[in-house]
């Protein structure tokens, strides 16, 4: 296996894990230019070395963060997550809302009531009713999953 194949394999592994640095070219820290061990594409490694270097060097947080491709604000966010979670805090978080944020208890109560009145209603028709009543756009499958979770909880 040659060096290029090895690099491509590592890039693919980082991509699959969600740890591929989207901006490796922004990493200007000498450490990442001088040694093959330090990989600017490995986002957790870049974050860790940035945090470690702030403790070692006399440079400001702003200078250090910039040399690793981050803002000062991002540095403090990364530092806080690292202090709370250790190495796991350096892994990227999933973006977007957590959970079925549109499907409140009020919406699900309404859907249950509609189903009680008409058992033949399917998810697509229920989604239309929810949109008319609450002004919320939902995917039928999201509604089905939320209702299944609710039924499962009620059986416990």
C-alpha atoms as a PDB file:
ATOM      1  CA  UNK A   1       0.000   0.000   0.000  1.00  0.00           C
ATOM      2  CA  UNK A   2       1.496   3.318  -1.021  1.00  0.00           C
ATOM      3  CA  UNK A   3       1.290   6.596   0.898  1.00  0.00           C
ATOM      4  CA  UNK A   4      -1.549   8.068  -1.244  1.00  0.00           C
ATOM      5  CA  UNK A   5      -3.696   4.964  -0.758  1.00  0.00           C
ATOM      6  CA  UNK A   6      -3.079   5.145   2.978  1.00  0.00           C
ATOM      7  CA  UNK A   7      -4.054   8.840   3.088  1.00  0.00           C
ATOM      8  CA  UNK A   8      -7.245   8.207   1.086  1.00  0.00           C
ATOM      9  CA  UNK A   9      -8.137   5.330   3.416  1.00  0.00           C
ATOM     10  CA  UNK A  10      -7.674   7.528   6.469  1.00  0.00           C
ATOM     11  CA  UNK A  11      -9.725  10.338   4.883  1.00  0.00           C
ATOM     12  CA  UNK A  12     -12.556   7.917   4.206  1.00  0.00           C
ATOM     13  CA  UNK A  13     -12.416   6.555   7.763  1.00  0.00           C
ATOM     14  CA  UNK A  14     -12.495  10.098   9.188  1.00  0.00           C
ATOM     15  CA  UNK A  15     -15.415  10.958   6.910  1.00  0.00           C
ATOM     16  CA  UNK A  16     -17.381   7.881   8.007  1.00  0.00           C
ATOM     17  CA  UNK A  17     -16.747   8.706  11.669  1.00  0.00           C
ATOM     18  CA  UNK A  18     -17.769  12.340  11.162  1.00  0.00           C
ATOM     19  CA  UNK A  19     -14.338  13.550  12.294  1.00  0.00           C
ATOM     20  CA  UNK A  20     -12.928  14.765   8.975  1.00  0.00           C
ATOM     21  CA  UNK A  21     -11.924  18.411   9.317  1.00  0.00           C
ATOM     22  CA  UNK A  22     -13.943  20.341   6.710  1.00  0.00           C
ATOM     23  CA  UNK A  23     -11.225  23.023   6.555  1.00  0.00           C
ATOM     24  CA  UNK A  24      -7.813  21.348   6.919  1.00  0.00           C
ATOM     25  CA  UNK A  25      -6.216  24.110   4.844  1.00  0.00           C
ATOM     26  CA  UNK A  26      -7.053  26.573   7.663  1.00  0.00           C
ATOM     27  CA  UNK A  27      -4.689  24.753  10.045  1.00  0.00           C
ATOM     28  CA  UNK A  28      -1.470  26.781   9.937  1.00  0.00           C
ATOM     29  CA  UNK A  29       0.104  25.581  13.196  1.00  0.00           C
ATOM     30  CA  UNK A  30       3.745  24.587  12.574  1.00  0.00           C
ATOM     31  CA  UNK A  31       3.192  21.297  14.383  1.00  0.00           C
ATOM     32  CA  UNK A  32       0.904  20.149  11.568  1.00  0.00           C
ATOM     33  CA  UNK A  33       3.356  21.230   8.876  1.00  0.00           C
ATOM     34  CA  UNK A  34       6.464  19.654  10.410  1.00  0.00           C
ATOM     35  CA  UNK A  35       5.304  16.139  11.260  1.00  0.00           C
ATOM     36  CA  UNK A  36       3.317  13.464   9.422  1.00  0.00           C
ATOM     37  CA  UNK A  37       1.926  12.311  12.773  1.00  0.00           C
ATOM     38  CA  UNK A  38      -0.133  15.478  13.117  1.00  0.00           C
ATOM     39  CA  UNK A  39      -2.907  15.407  10.523  1.00  0.00           C
ATOM     40  CA  UNK A  40      -4.854  18.628   9.812  1.00  0.00           C
ATOM     41  CA  UNK A  41      -7.697  16.478   8.476  1.00  0.00           C
ATOM     42  CA  UNK A  42      -8.205  14.788  11.864  1.00  0.00           C
ATOM     43  CA  UNK A  43     -10.553  17.252  13.593  1.00  0.00           C
ATOM     44  CA  UNK A  44     -10.355  15.854  17.154  1.00  0.00           C
ATOM     45  CA  UNK A  45      -6.555  15.838  16.943  1.00  0.00           C
ATOM     46  CA  UNK A  46      -6.505  19.455  15.733  1.00  0.00           C
ATOM     47  CA  UNK A  47      -8.798  20.508  18.578  1.00  0.00           C
ATOM     48  CA  UNK A  48      -6.788  18.644  21.201  1.00  0.00           C
ATOM     49  CA  UNK A  49      -3.477  20.076  20.040  1.00  0.00           C
ATOM     50  CA  UNK A  50      -4.982  23.573  20.006  1.00  0.00           C
ATOM     51  CA  UNK A  51      -6.107  23.199  23.630  1.00  0.00           C
ATOM     52  CA  UNK A  52      -2.780  21.716  24.652  1.00  0.00           C
ATOM     53  CA  UNK A  53      -0.803  24.448  22.934  1.00  0.00           C
ATOM     54  CA  UNK A  54      -2.683  27.254  24.694  1.00  0.00           C
ATOM     55  CA  UNK A  55      -1.514  25.770  27.980  1.00  0.00           C
ATOM     56  CA  UNK A  56       2.096  25.487  26.763  1.00  0.00           C
ATOM     57  CA  UNK A  57       2.688  28.585  24.660  1.00  0.00           C
ATOM     58  CA  UNK A  58       2.817  32.274  25.397  1.00  0.00           C
ATOM     59  CA  UNK A  59       0.551  33.102  22.468  1.00  0.00           C
ATOM     60  CA  UNK A  60      -2.913  34.463  23.053  1.00  0.00           C
ATOM     61  CA  UNK A  61      -6.003  32.314  22.681  1.00  0.00           C
ATOM     62  CA  UNK A  62      -6.963  34.347  19.601  1.00  0.00           C
ATOM     63  CA  UNK A  63      -3.578  33.753  17.900  1.00  0.00           C
ATOM     64  CA  UNK A  64      -3.511  30.058  18.758  1.00  0.00           C
ATOM     65  CA  UNK A  65      -7.120  29.451  17.720  1.00  0.00           C
ATOM     66  CA  UNK A  66      -6.505  31.206  14.397  1.00  0.00           C
ATOM     67  CA  UNK A  67      -3.422  29.069  13.701  1.00  0.00           C
ATOM     68  CA  UNK A  68      -5.575  25.966  14.173  1.00  0.00           C
ATOM     69  CA  UNK A  69      -8.388  27.284  11.978  1.00  0.00           C
ATOM     70  CA  UNK A  70     -10.819  28.310  14.747  1.00  0.00           C
ATOM     71  CA  UNK A  71     -12.173  31.524  16.185  1.00  0.00           C
ATOM     72  CA  UNK A  72     -11.612  32.603  19.780  1.00  0.00           C
ATOM     73  CA  UNK A  73     -15.279  31.863  20.536  1.00  0.00           C
ATOM     74  CA  UNK A  74     -14.968  28.366  19.045  1.00  0.00           C
ATOM     75  CA  UNK A  75     -11.855  27.776  21.170  1.00  0.00           C
ATOM     76  CA  UNK A  76     -13.785  28.443  24.384  1.00  0.00           C
ATOM     77  CA  UNK A  77     -16.669  26.231  23.252  1.00  0.00           C
ATOM     78  CA  UNK A  78     -14.241  23.401  22.463  1.00  0.00           C
ATOM     79  CA  UNK A  79     -12.448  23.923  25.791  1.00  0.00           C
ATOM     80  CA  UNK A  80     -15.712  23.761  27.725  1.00  0.00           C
ATOM     81  CA  UNK A  81     -16.801  20.539  25.998  1.00  0.00           C
ATOM     82  CA  UNK A  82     -13.364  19.011  26.620  1.00  0.00           C
ATOM     83  CA  UNK A  83     -13.500  19.927  30.317  1.00  0.00           C
ATOM     84  CA  UNK A  84     -16.987  18.412  30.612  1.00  0.00           C
ATOM     85  CA  UNK A  85     -16.599  15.314  28.446  1.00  0.00           C
ATOM     86  CA  UNK A  86     -12.878  14.678  27.976  1.00  0.00           C
ATOM     87  CA  UNK A  87     -11.772  13.385  24.583  1.00  0.00           C
ATOM     88  CA  UNK A  88     -15.386  12.586  23.630  1.00  0.00           C
ATOM     89  CA  UNK A  89     -16.088  16.320  23.864  1.00  0.00           C
ATOM     90  CA  UNK A  90     -13.781  16.875  20.906  1.00  0.00           C
ATOM     91  CA  UNK A  91     -15.961  14.811  18.601  1.00  0.00           C
ATOM     92  CA  UNK A  92     -18.348  16.797  16.414  1.00  0.00           C
ATOM     93  CA  UNK A  93     -21.910  17.040  17.662  1.00  0.00           C
ATOM     94  CA  UNK A  94     -24.859  16.277  15.467  1.00  0.00           C
ATOM     95  CA  UNK A  95     -26.369  19.414  14.041  1.00  0.00           C
ATOM     96  CA  UNK A  96     -29.990  20.386  14.047  1.00  0.00           C
ATOM     97  CA  UNK A  97     -32.809  19.982  16.495  1.00  0.00           C
ATOM     98  CA  UNK A  98     -32.845  17.135  18.987  1.00  0.00           C
ATOM     99  CA  UNK A  99     -35.904  14.932  18.823  1.00  0.00           C
ATOM    100  CA  UNK A 100     -39.349  15.558  17.416  1.00  0.00           C
ATOM    101  CA  UNK A 101     -39.530  19.215  18.384  1.00  0.00           C
ATOM    102  CA  UNK A 102     -42.612  19.961  16.266  1.00  0.00           C
ATOM    103  CA  UNK A 103     -44.566  17.055  17.669  1.00  0.00           C
ATOM    104  CA  UNK A 104     -45.557  18.498  21.024  1.00  0.00           C
ATOM    105  CA  UNK A 105     -47.980  16.795  23.402  1.00  0.00           C
ATOM    106  CA  UNK A 106     -50.696  19.139  22.141  1.00  0.00           C
ATOM    107  CA  UNK A 107     -50.171  18.024  18.532  1.00  0.00           C
ATOM    108  CA  UNK A 108     -49.996  14.335  19.465  1.00  0.00           C
ATOM    109  CA  UNK A 109     -53.146  14.648  21.629  1.00  0.00           C
ATOM    110  CA  UNK A 110     -54.913  16.173  18.625  1.00  0.00           C
ATOM    111  CA  UNK A 111     -53.756  13.310  16.370  1.00  0.00           C
ATOM    112  CA  UNK A 112     -54.883  10.700  18.915  1.00  0.00           C
ATOM    113  CA  UNK A 113     -58.275  12.378  19.160  1.00  0.00           C
ATOM    114  CA  UNK A 114     -58.617  12.415  15.361  1.00  0.00           C
ATOM    115  CA  UNK A 115     -57.731   8.712  15.241  1.00  0.00           C
ATOM    116  CA  UNK A 116     -60.270   7.940  17.965  1.00  0.00           C
ATOM    117  CA  UNK A 117     -62.958   9.588  15.849  1.00  0.00           C
ATOM    118  CA  UNK A 118     -61.848   7.969  12.575  1.00  0.00           C
ATOM    119  CA  UNK A 119     -59.647   4.842  12.738  1.00  0.00           C
ATOM    120  CA  UNK A 120     -59.241   4.787   8.943  1.00  0.00           C
ATOM    121  CA  UNK A 121     -57.114   7.975   8.884  1.00  0.00           C
ATOM    122  CA  UNK A 122     -53.615   7.435   7.540  1.00  0.00           C
ATOM    123  CA  UNK A 123     -50.484   9.453   8.310  1.00  0.00           C
ATOM    124  CA  UNK A 124     -50.765  11.583   5.134  1.00  0.00           C
ATOM    125  CA  UNK A 125     -54.292  12.700   6.049  1.00  0.00           C
ATOM    126  CA  UNK A 126     -53.267  13.341   9.658  1.00  0.00           C
ATOM    127  CA  UNK A 127     -50.323  15.448   8.508  1.00  0.00           C
ATOM    128  CA  UNK A 128     -52.738  17.569   6.455  1.00  0.00           C
ATOM    129  CA  UNK A 129     -54.996  18.037   9.477  1.00  0.00           C
ATOM    130  CA  UNK A 130     -52.056  19.032  11.667  1.00  0.00           C
ATOM    131  CA  UNK A 131     -50.957  21.572   9.062  1.00  0.00           C
ATOM    132  CA  UNK A 132     -54.478  23.052   8.884  1.00  0.00           C
ATOM    133  CA  UNK A 133     -54.875  23.204  12.663  1.00  0.00           C
ATOM    134  CA  UNK A 134     -51.371  24.151  13.863  1.00  0.00           C
ATOM    135  CA  UNK A 135     -49.611  25.437  10.733  1.00  0.00           C
ATOM    136  CA  UNK A 136     -46.885  22.818  11.163  1.00  0.00           C
ATOM    137  CA  UNK A 137     -45.405  20.907   8.228  1.00  0.00           C
ATOM    138  CA  UNK A 138     -44.550  17.313   9.068  1.00  0.00           C
ATOM    139  CA  UNK A 139     -43.415  14.267   7.195  1.00  0.00           C
ATOM    140  CA  UNK A 140     -45.903  11.394   7.521  1.00  0.00           C
ATOM    141  CA  UNK A 141     -43.143   9.043   8.680  1.00  0.00           C
ATOM    142  CA  UNK A 142     -42.133  11.463  11.460  1.00  0.00           C
ATOM    143  CA  UNK A 143     -45.704  11.431  12.709  1.00  0.00           C
ATOM    144  CA  UNK A 144     -45.842   7.632  12.565  1.00  0.00           C
ATOM    145  CA  UNK A 145     -42.614   7.339  14.579  1.00  0.00           C
ATOM    146  CA  UNK A 146     -43.787   9.854  17.189  1.00  0.00           C
ATOM    147  CA  UNK A 147     -47.085   8.026  17.626  1.00  0.00           C
ATOM    148  CA  UNK A 148     -45.283   4.685  17.951  1.00  0.00           C
ATOM    149  CA  UNK A 149     -42.972   6.159  20.639  1.00  0.00           C
ATOM    150  CA  UNK A 150     -45.988   7.535  22.486  1.00  0.00           C
ATOM    151  CA  UNK A 151     -47.812   4.190  22.389  1.00  0.00           C
ATOM    152  CA  UNK A 152     -44.711   2.403  23.588  1.00  0.00           C
ATOM    153  CA  UNK A 153     -44.382   4.805  26.557  1.00  0.00           C
ATOM    154  CA  UNK A 154     -48.022   4.403  27.505  1.00  0.00           C
ATOM    155  CA  UNK A 155     -47.624   0.596  27.685  1.00  0.00           C
ATOM    156  CA  UNK A 156     -44.762   0.858  30.189  1.00  0.00           C
END
